[in-house]
Amino acid sequence: MLIHLFFVLGFCCLLVHEMDAIRLKEWKILPILSRLDDRSGYLAFVSLHLPLYVVLLWGLSGGDGINRGLIVFLDAFFVVHVVLHLLFHRLLFLDRPDDRRMSALSWALVWGAGAFGAIDLLLIV
């Protein structure tokens, strides 16, 4: 996995970003979850991450060694994820309450995942 150090750094940025996404109540920008009240949205958002993390971690550590295809997919997702945040947070949700605005750390995590993913893609493709 050291070969994919930049992937690991990007993946960790994304995981920490998802922790921060709870503080930001990001379920409110997702089509189905946005209809839920805060308690239900929180429970659904957090609950959906458990099987997602299981699938990702299992897929990355599968018995046949490193899953290169999944790494390439996730690297690309890290880059697309930056664009999604620019669209959702900067263009569509400028009127969000101050307590839900992305902090400098929040943006650093999103941009970090994208940058590390792009670097890993350049190194392996």
Protein backbone atom coordinates (compact mmCIF):
# COMPACT_ATOMS: atom_id res chain seq x y z
CA MET A 1 0.00 0.00 0.00
CA LEU A 2 3.02 2.32 0.33
CA ILE A 3 3.01 2.46 -3.45
CA HIS A 4 -0.27 4.31 -3.09
CA LEU A 5 0.77 6.72 -0.35
CA PHE A 6 -1.04 9.61 -2.06
CA PHE A 7 -4.19 7.51 -2.33
CA VAL A 8 -4.01 6.70 1.39
CA LEU A 9 -3.56 10.40 2.21
CA GLY A 10 -6.54 11.30 0.01
CA PHE A 11 -8.66 8.52 1.48
CA CYS A 12 -7.87 9.69 5.01
CA CYS A 13 -8.75 13.29 4.07
CA LEU A 14 -12.08 12.05 2.73
CA LEU A 15 -12.83 9.99 5.85
CA VAL A 16 -12.11 12.96 8.14
CA HIS A 17 -14.14 15.19 5.82
CA GLU A 18 -17.09 12.83 6.25
CA MET A 19 -16.75 13.24 10.03
CA ASP A 20 -16.85 17.01 9.53
CA ALA A 21 -19.84 16.61 7.20
CA ILE A 22 -21.89 15.59 10.22
CA ARG A 23 -21.16 18.95 11.88
CA LEU A 24 -22.16 20.66 8.63
CA LYS A 25 -25.40 18.65 8.37
CA GLU A 26 -24.55 17.73 4.79
CA TRP A 27 -27.50 15.36 4.58
CA LYS A 28 -29.52 18.54 3.93
CA ILE A 29 -27.98 18.81 0.44
CA LEU A 30 -28.67 15.20 -0.54
CA PRO A 31 -31.88 14.70 -2.53
CA ILE A 32 -33.66 12.08 -0.36
CA LEU A 33 -32.11 12.84 3.02
CA SER A 34 -32.82 16.57 2.73
CA ARG A 35 -36.51 15.87 3.36
CA LEU A 36 -35.79 14.43 6.81
CA ASP A 37 -35.75 16.32 10.09
CA ASP A 38 -32.33 16.83 11.72
CA ARG A 39 -32.48 13.78 13.98
CA SER A 40 -33.61 11.42 11.22
CA GLY A 41 -31.20 12.97 8.71
CA TYR A 42 -28.30 12.55 11.12
CA LEU A 43 -29.20 8.92 11.84
CA ALA A 44 -29.61 8.08 8.16
CA PHE A 45 -26.41 9.89 7.11
CA VAL A 46 -24.28 8.20 9.76
CA SER A 47 -25.95 4.80 9.29
CA LEU A 48 -25.38 4.85 5.52
CA HIS A 49 -21.66 5.43 6.06
CA LEU A 50 -21.17 2.16 7.97
CA PRO A 51 -21.94 -0.20 5.04
CA LEU A 52 -20.17 2.20 2.67
CA TYR A 53 -16.99 2.05 4.77
CA VAL A 54 -17.26 -1.74 5.11
CA VAL A 55 -17.52 -2.16 1.33
CA LEU A 56 -14.68 0.27 0.64
CA LEU A 57 -12.29 -1.12 3.24
CA TRP A 58 -13.12 -4.71 2.35
CA GLY A 59 -12.68 -3.92 -1.34
CA LEU A 60 -9.35 -2.21 -0.73
CA SER A 61 -7.98 -5.00 1.42
CA GLY A 62 -9.37 -7.97 -0.51
CA GLY A 63 -7.55 -11.29 -0.39
CA ASP A 64 -5.90 -10.92 -3.81
CA GLY A 65 -3.86 -7.87 -2.86
CA ILE A 66 -4.44 -4.24 -3.74
CA ASN A 67 -7.60 -3.55 -5.74
CA ARG A 68 -6.11 -1.22 -8.35
CA GLY A 69 -9.44 -0.61 -10.08
CA LEU A 70 -11.10 0.57 -6.87
CA ILE A 71 -8.14 2.81 -6.11
CA VAL A 72 -8.33 4.43 -9.55
CA PHE A 73 -12.10 4.89 -9.15
CA LEU A 74 -11.71 6.46 -5.71
CA ASP A 75 -8.85 8.70 -6.86
CA ALA A 76 -11.13 10.00 -9.62
CA PHE A 77 -13.99 10.39 -7.13
CA PHE A 78 -11.75 12.48 -4.83
CA VAL A 79 -11.25 14.92 -7.73
CA VAL A 80 -14.94 14.96 -8.72
CA HIS A 81 -15.86 15.42 -5.06
CA VAL A 82 -14.04 18.79 -5.06
CA VAL A 83 -16.16 19.92 -8.00
CA LEU A 84 -19.35 18.75 -6.28
CA HIS A 85 -18.48 20.77 -3.19
CA LEU A 86 -17.72 23.84 -5.27
CA LEU A 87 -21.11 23.52 -6.95
CA PHE A 88 -23.14 22.73 -3.84
CA HIS A 89 -21.47 24.95 -1.27
CA ARG A 90 -20.18 27.89 -3.26
CA LEU A 91 -22.89 28.28 -5.89
CA LEU A 92 -26.08 26.82 -4.44
CA PHE A 93 -25.84 27.28 -0.68
CA LEU A 94 -24.34 30.71 -0.08
CA ASP A 95 -27.21 31.54 2.27
CA ARG A 96 -26.47 28.70 4.70
CA PRO A 97 -26.36 29.66 8.38
CA ASP A 98 -22.88 30.47 9.67
CA ASP A 99 -22.73 27.37 11.86
CA ARG A 100 -22.95 25.18 8.75
CA ARG A 101 -20.48 26.99 6.51
CA MET A 102 -17.40 25.04 5.58
CA SER A 103 -14.38 26.14 7.59
CA ALA A 104 -10.85 26.44 6.24
CA LEU A 105 -10.17 22.97 7.66
CA SER A 106 -13.26 21.60 5.92
CA TRP A 107 -12.08 22.96 2.58
CA ALA A 108 -8.51 21.76 3.22
CA LEU A 109 -9.82 18.23 3.69
CA VAL A 110 -11.89 18.34 0.49
CA TRP A 111 -9.09 19.92 -1.56
CA GLY A 112 -6.51 17.64 0.06
CA ALA A 113 -8.43 14.52 -0.98
CA GLY A 114 -8.76 15.89 -4.51
CA ALA A 115 -5.11 16.87 -4.79
CA PHE A 116 -3.81 13.58 -3.39
CA GLY A 117 -6.19 11.65 -5.63
CA ALA A 118 -5.02 13.57 -8.69
CA ILE A 119 -1.36 12.99 -7.79
CA ASP A 120 -1.98 9.25 -7.29
CA LEU A 121 -3.78 9.07 -10.63
CA LEU A 122 -0.85 10.75 -12.36
CA LEU A 123 1.56 8.29 -10.77
CA ILE A 124 -0.35 5.08 -11.56
CA VAL A 125 -2.09 5.69 -14.88
